[in-house]
């Protein structure tokens, strides 16, 4: 990663503030896909990483995983849910734009932001 990369200062910010740690000690992975569990961890860290008592909320979220508290916290906060057809969370599934948008909307509601504004997205071919 170079300082000339368009995302350099954003990556530096999330790394310096402990919101994202990267793939390992020397690689951040800005071109990698983001998993659903990773996004829950980011939001959890933004809220002080509260400890959670384990509950078997999702059949694919076991106790004592690197993402367990984050997913349970985000679910309790009303930010994330599981797949309606299976009840699973899908921690390793890549998050898509629709899921990310829903989670950010629900997170904004959790924070008490005004989410009443509406926009017409019909000009996007994948709306």
C-alpha atoms as a PDB file:
ATOM      1  CA  UNK A   1       0.000   0.000   0.000  1.00  0.00           C
ATOM      2  CA  UNK A   2       1.321   3.394  -1.003  1.00  0.00           C
ATOM      3  CA  UNK A   3       0.474   6.879   0.268  1.00  0.00           C
ATOM      4  CA  UNK A   4      -0.723   7.652  -3.241  1.00  0.00           C
ATOM      5  CA  UNK A   5      -3.458   4.965  -3.026  1.00  0.00           C
ATOM      6  CA  UNK A   6      -6.884   6.628  -2.804  1.00  0.00           C
ATOM      7  CA  UNK A   7      -7.720   4.631   0.335  1.00  0.00           C
ATOM      8  CA  UNK A   8      -4.402   5.080   2.177  1.00  0.00           C
ATOM      9  CA  UNK A   9      -5.586   7.610   4.787  1.00  0.00           C
ATOM     10  CA  UNK A  10      -8.855   5.776   5.403  1.00  0.00           C
ATOM     11  CA  UNK A  11      -6.972   2.519   6.004  1.00  0.00           C
ATOM     12  CA  UNK A  12      -4.512   4.340   8.257  1.00  0.00           C
ATOM     13  CA  UNK A  13      -7.418   5.773  10.261  1.00  0.00           C
ATOM     14  CA  UNK A  14      -9.216   2.456  10.850  1.00  0.00           C
ATOM     15  CA  UNK A  15      -5.926   0.726  11.647  1.00  0.00           C
ATOM     16  CA  UNK A  16      -4.647   3.458  13.985  1.00  0.00           C
ATOM     17  CA  UNK A  17      -7.991   3.507  15.808  1.00  0.00           C
ATOM     18  CA  UNK A  18      -8.199  -0.275  16.211  1.00  0.00           C
ATOM     19  CA  UNK A  19     -11.324  -0.671  14.079  1.00  0.00           C
ATOM     20  CA  UNK A  20      -9.626  -2.963  11.561  1.00  0.00           C
ATOM     21  CA  UNK A  21      -6.369  -4.838  12.015  1.00  0.00           C
ATOM     22  CA  UNK A  22      -5.684  -6.296   8.583  1.00  0.00           C
ATOM     23  CA  UNK A  23      -5.054  -9.825   7.400  1.00  0.00           C
ATOM     24  CA  UNK A  24      -1.844 -10.202   9.409  1.00  0.00           C
ATOM     25  CA  UNK A  25       0.989  -8.103  10.861  1.00  0.00           C
ATOM     26  CA  UNK A  26       2.139  -6.803   7.466  1.00  0.00           C
ATOM     27  CA  UNK A  27      -0.862  -7.020   5.104  1.00  0.00           C
ATOM     28  CA  UNK A  28      -4.066  -5.011   5.303  1.00  0.00           C
ATOM     29  CA  UNK A  29      -5.863  -6.431   2.242  1.00  0.00           C
ATOM     30  CA  UNK A  30      -7.696  -3.400   0.803  1.00  0.00           C
ATOM     31  CA  UNK A  31      -8.771  -5.356  -2.273  1.00  0.00           C
ATOM     32  CA  UNK A  32     -10.095  -8.349  -0.328  1.00  0.00           C
ATOM     33  CA  UNK A  33     -13.820  -8.970   0.162  1.00  0.00           C
ATOM     34  CA  UNK A  34     -15.314  -8.189   3.553  1.00  0.00           C
ATOM     35  CA  UNK A  35     -17.064 -11.009   5.410  1.00  0.00           C
ATOM     36  CA  UNK A  36     -20.248 -10.534   7.419  1.00  0.00           C
ATOM     37  CA  UNK A  37     -18.393 -11.377  10.645  1.00  0.00           C
ATOM     38  CA  UNK A  38     -15.681  -8.826   9.874  1.00  0.00           C
ATOM     39  CA  UNK A  39     -18.260  -6.078   9.452  1.00  0.00           C
ATOM     40  CA  UNK A  40     -19.909  -7.017  12.761  1.00  0.00           C
ATOM     41  CA  UNK A  41     -16.474  -6.860  14.424  1.00  0.00           C
ATOM     42  CA  UNK A  42     -15.858  -3.352  13.047  1.00  0.00           C
ATOM     43  CA  UNK A  43     -19.169  -2.080  14.441  1.00  0.00           C
ATOM     44  CA  UNK A  44     -18.524  -3.869  17.746  1.00  0.00           C
ATOM     45  CA  UNK A  45     -15.119  -2.190  18.058  1.00  0.00           C
ATOM     46  CA  UNK A  46     -16.670   1.194  17.226  1.00  0.00           C
ATOM     47  CA  UNK A  47     -18.851   0.660  20.302  1.00  0.00           C
ATOM     48  CA  UNK A  48     -16.138  -0.294  22.760  1.00  0.00           C
ATOM     49  CA  UNK A  49     -16.162  -4.075  22.188  1.00  0.00           C
ATOM     50  CA  UNK A  50     -18.561  -4.960  25.001  1.00  0.00           C
ATOM     51  CA  UNK A  51     -18.370  -8.507  26.351  1.00  0.00           C
ATOM     52  CA  UNK A  52     -21.408 -10.616  25.642  1.00  0.00           C
ATOM     53  CA  UNK A  53     -22.817 -13.648  27.389  1.00  0.00           C
ATOM     54  CA  UNK A  54     -22.921 -16.467  24.875  1.00  0.00           C
ATOM     55  CA  UNK A  55     -26.285 -17.562  23.581  1.00  0.00           C
ATOM     56  CA  UNK A  56     -26.855 -20.019  20.778  1.00  0.00           C
ATOM     57  CA  UNK A  57     -28.616 -17.390  18.648  1.00  0.00           C
ATOM     58  CA  UNK A  58     -27.216 -18.624  15.346  1.00  0.00           C
ATOM     59  CA  UNK A  59     -26.365 -22.290  14.703  1.00  0.00           C
ATOM     60  CA  UNK A  60     -23.168 -21.295  12.854  1.00  0.00           C
ATOM     61  CA  UNK A  61     -21.844 -18.884  15.509  1.00  0.00           C
ATOM     62  CA  UNK A  62     -20.045 -20.932  18.147  1.00  0.00           C
ATOM     63  CA  UNK A  63     -18.796 -19.669  21.497  1.00  0.00           C
ATOM     64  CA  UNK A  64     -15.270 -18.260  21.810  1.00  0.00           C
ATOM     65  CA  UNK A  65     -14.671 -17.398  18.155  1.00  0.00           C
ATOM     66  CA  UNK A  66     -12.983 -14.138  17.162  1.00  0.00           C
ATOM     67  CA  UNK A  67     -16.352 -12.829  15.986  1.00  0.00           C
ATOM     68  CA  UNK A  68     -18.792 -14.304  18.553  1.00  0.00           C
ATOM     69  CA  UNK A  69     -19.203 -11.283  20.848  1.00  0.00           C
ATOM     70  CA  UNK A  70     -19.407  -8.927  17.875  1.00  0.00           C
ATOM     71  CA  UNK A  71     -22.191 -10.842  16.153  1.00  0.00           C
ATOM     72  CA  UNK A  72     -24.158 -11.318  19.367  1.00  0.00           C
ATOM     73  CA  UNK A  73     -23.771  -7.625  20.243  1.00  0.00           C
ATOM     74  CA  UNK A  74     -24.785  -6.462  16.757  1.00  0.00           C
ATOM     75  CA  UNK A  75     -27.796  -8.777  16.791  1.00  0.00           C
ATOM     76  CA  UNK A  76     -28.878  -7.602  20.248  1.00  0.00           C
ATOM     77  CA  UNK A  77     -28.505  -3.985  19.070  1.00  0.00           C
ATOM     78  CA  UNK A  78     -30.790  -4.741  16.123  1.00  0.00           C
ATOM     79  CA  UNK A  79     -28.046  -4.105  13.573  1.00  0.00           C
ATOM     80  CA  UNK A  80     -27.615  -7.603  12.116  1.00  0.00           C
ATOM     81  CA  UNK A  81     -29.773 -10.632  11.693  1.00  0.00           C
ATOM     82  CA  UNK A  82     -29.416 -14.034  10.207  1.00  0.00           C
ATOM     83  CA  UNK A  83     -30.655 -15.464   6.962  1.00  0.00           C
ATOM     84  CA  UNK A  84     -34.423 -15.854   7.151  1.00  0.00           C
ATOM     85  CA  UNK A  85     -34.408 -19.167   5.287  1.00  0.00           C
ATOM     86  CA  UNK A  86     -31.865 -20.945   7.515  1.00  0.00           C
ATOM     87  CA  UNK A  87     -31.551 -18.899  10.715  1.00  0.00           C
ATOM     88  CA  UNK A  88     -27.784 -18.951  10.233  1.00  0.00           C
ATOM     89  CA  UNK A  89     -25.634 -15.832  10.326  1.00  0.00           C
ATOM     90  CA  UNK A  90     -23.044 -16.791   7.719  1.00  0.00           C
ATOM     91  CA  UNK A  91     -19.962 -15.343   9.442  1.00  0.00           C
ATOM     92  CA  UNK A  92     -17.625 -16.260   6.566  1.00  0.00           C
ATOM     93  CA  UNK A  93     -19.980 -15.159   3.796  1.00  0.00           C
ATOM     94  CA  UNK A  94     -18.894 -12.115   1.836  1.00  0.00           C
ATOM     95  CA  UNK A  95     -21.122  -9.171   2.666  1.00  0.00           C
ATOM     96  CA  UNK A  96     -22.907  -7.739  -0.349  1.00  0.00           C
ATOM     97  CA  UNK A  97     -23.976  -4.141  -0.919  1.00  0.00           C
ATOM     98  CA  UNK A  98     -27.588  -4.821   0.011  1.00  0.00           C
ATOM     99  CA  UNK A  99     -26.620  -6.428   3.331  1.00  0.00           C
ATOM    100  CA  UNK A 100     -24.120  -3.668   4.089  1.00  0.00           C
ATOM    101  CA  UNK A 101     -26.731  -1.011   3.357  1.00  0.00           C
ATOM    102  CA  UNK A 102     -29.329  -2.666   5.597  1.00  0.00           C
ATOM    103  CA  UNK A 103     -26.813  -3.073   8.424  1.00  0.00           C
ATOM    104  CA  UNK A 104     -25.641   0.548   8.147  1.00  0.00           C
ATOM    105  CA  UNK A 105     -29.266   1.742   8.129  1.00  0.00           C
ATOM    106  CA  UNK A 106     -30.029  -0.332  11.226  1.00  0.00           C
ATOM    107  CA  UNK A 107     -26.819   0.893  12.879  1.00  0.00           C
ATOM    108  CA  UNK A 108     -27.829   4.508  12.195  1.00  0.00           C
ATOM    109  CA  UNK A 109     -31.193   3.769  13.836  1.00  0.00           C
ATOM    110  CA  UNK A 110     -29.376   2.172  16.788  1.00  0.00           C
ATOM    111  CA  UNK A 111     -27.383   5.388  17.214  1.00  0.00           C
ATOM    112  CA  UNK A 112     -30.577   7.430  17.071  1.00  0.00           C
ATOM    113  CA  UNK A 113     -29.827   9.151  13.761  1.00  0.00           C
ATOM    114  CA  UNK A 114     -32.647  10.485  11.621  1.00  0.00           C
ATOM    115  CA  UNK A 115     -33.109   7.939   8.830  1.00  0.00           C
ATOM    116  CA  UNK A 116     -36.333   9.350   7.425  1.00  0.00           C
ATOM    117  CA  UNK A 117     -34.783  10.898   4.272  1.00  0.00           C
ATOM    118  CA  UNK A 118     -35.518   8.990   1.077  1.00  0.00           C
ATOM    119  CA  UNK A 119     -33.789   8.951  -2.297  1.00  0.00           C
ATOM    120  CA  UNK A 120     -34.711   7.528  -5.691  1.00  0.00           C
ATOM    121  CA  UNK A 121     -32.140   4.940  -6.745  1.00  0.00           C
ATOM    122  CA  UNK A 122     -33.882   3.961  -9.976  1.00  0.00           C
ATOM    123  CA  UNK A 123     -30.965   5.252 -12.049  1.00  0.00           C
ATOM    124  CA  UNK A 124     -28.811   2.352 -10.780  1.00  0.00           C
ATOM    125  CA  UNK A 125     -29.142  -0.686 -13.024  1.00  0.00           C
ATOM    126  CA  UNK A 126     -28.905  -3.072 -10.063  1.00  0.00           C
ATOM    127  CA  UNK A 127     -31.370  -1.242  -7.825  1.00  0.00           C
END
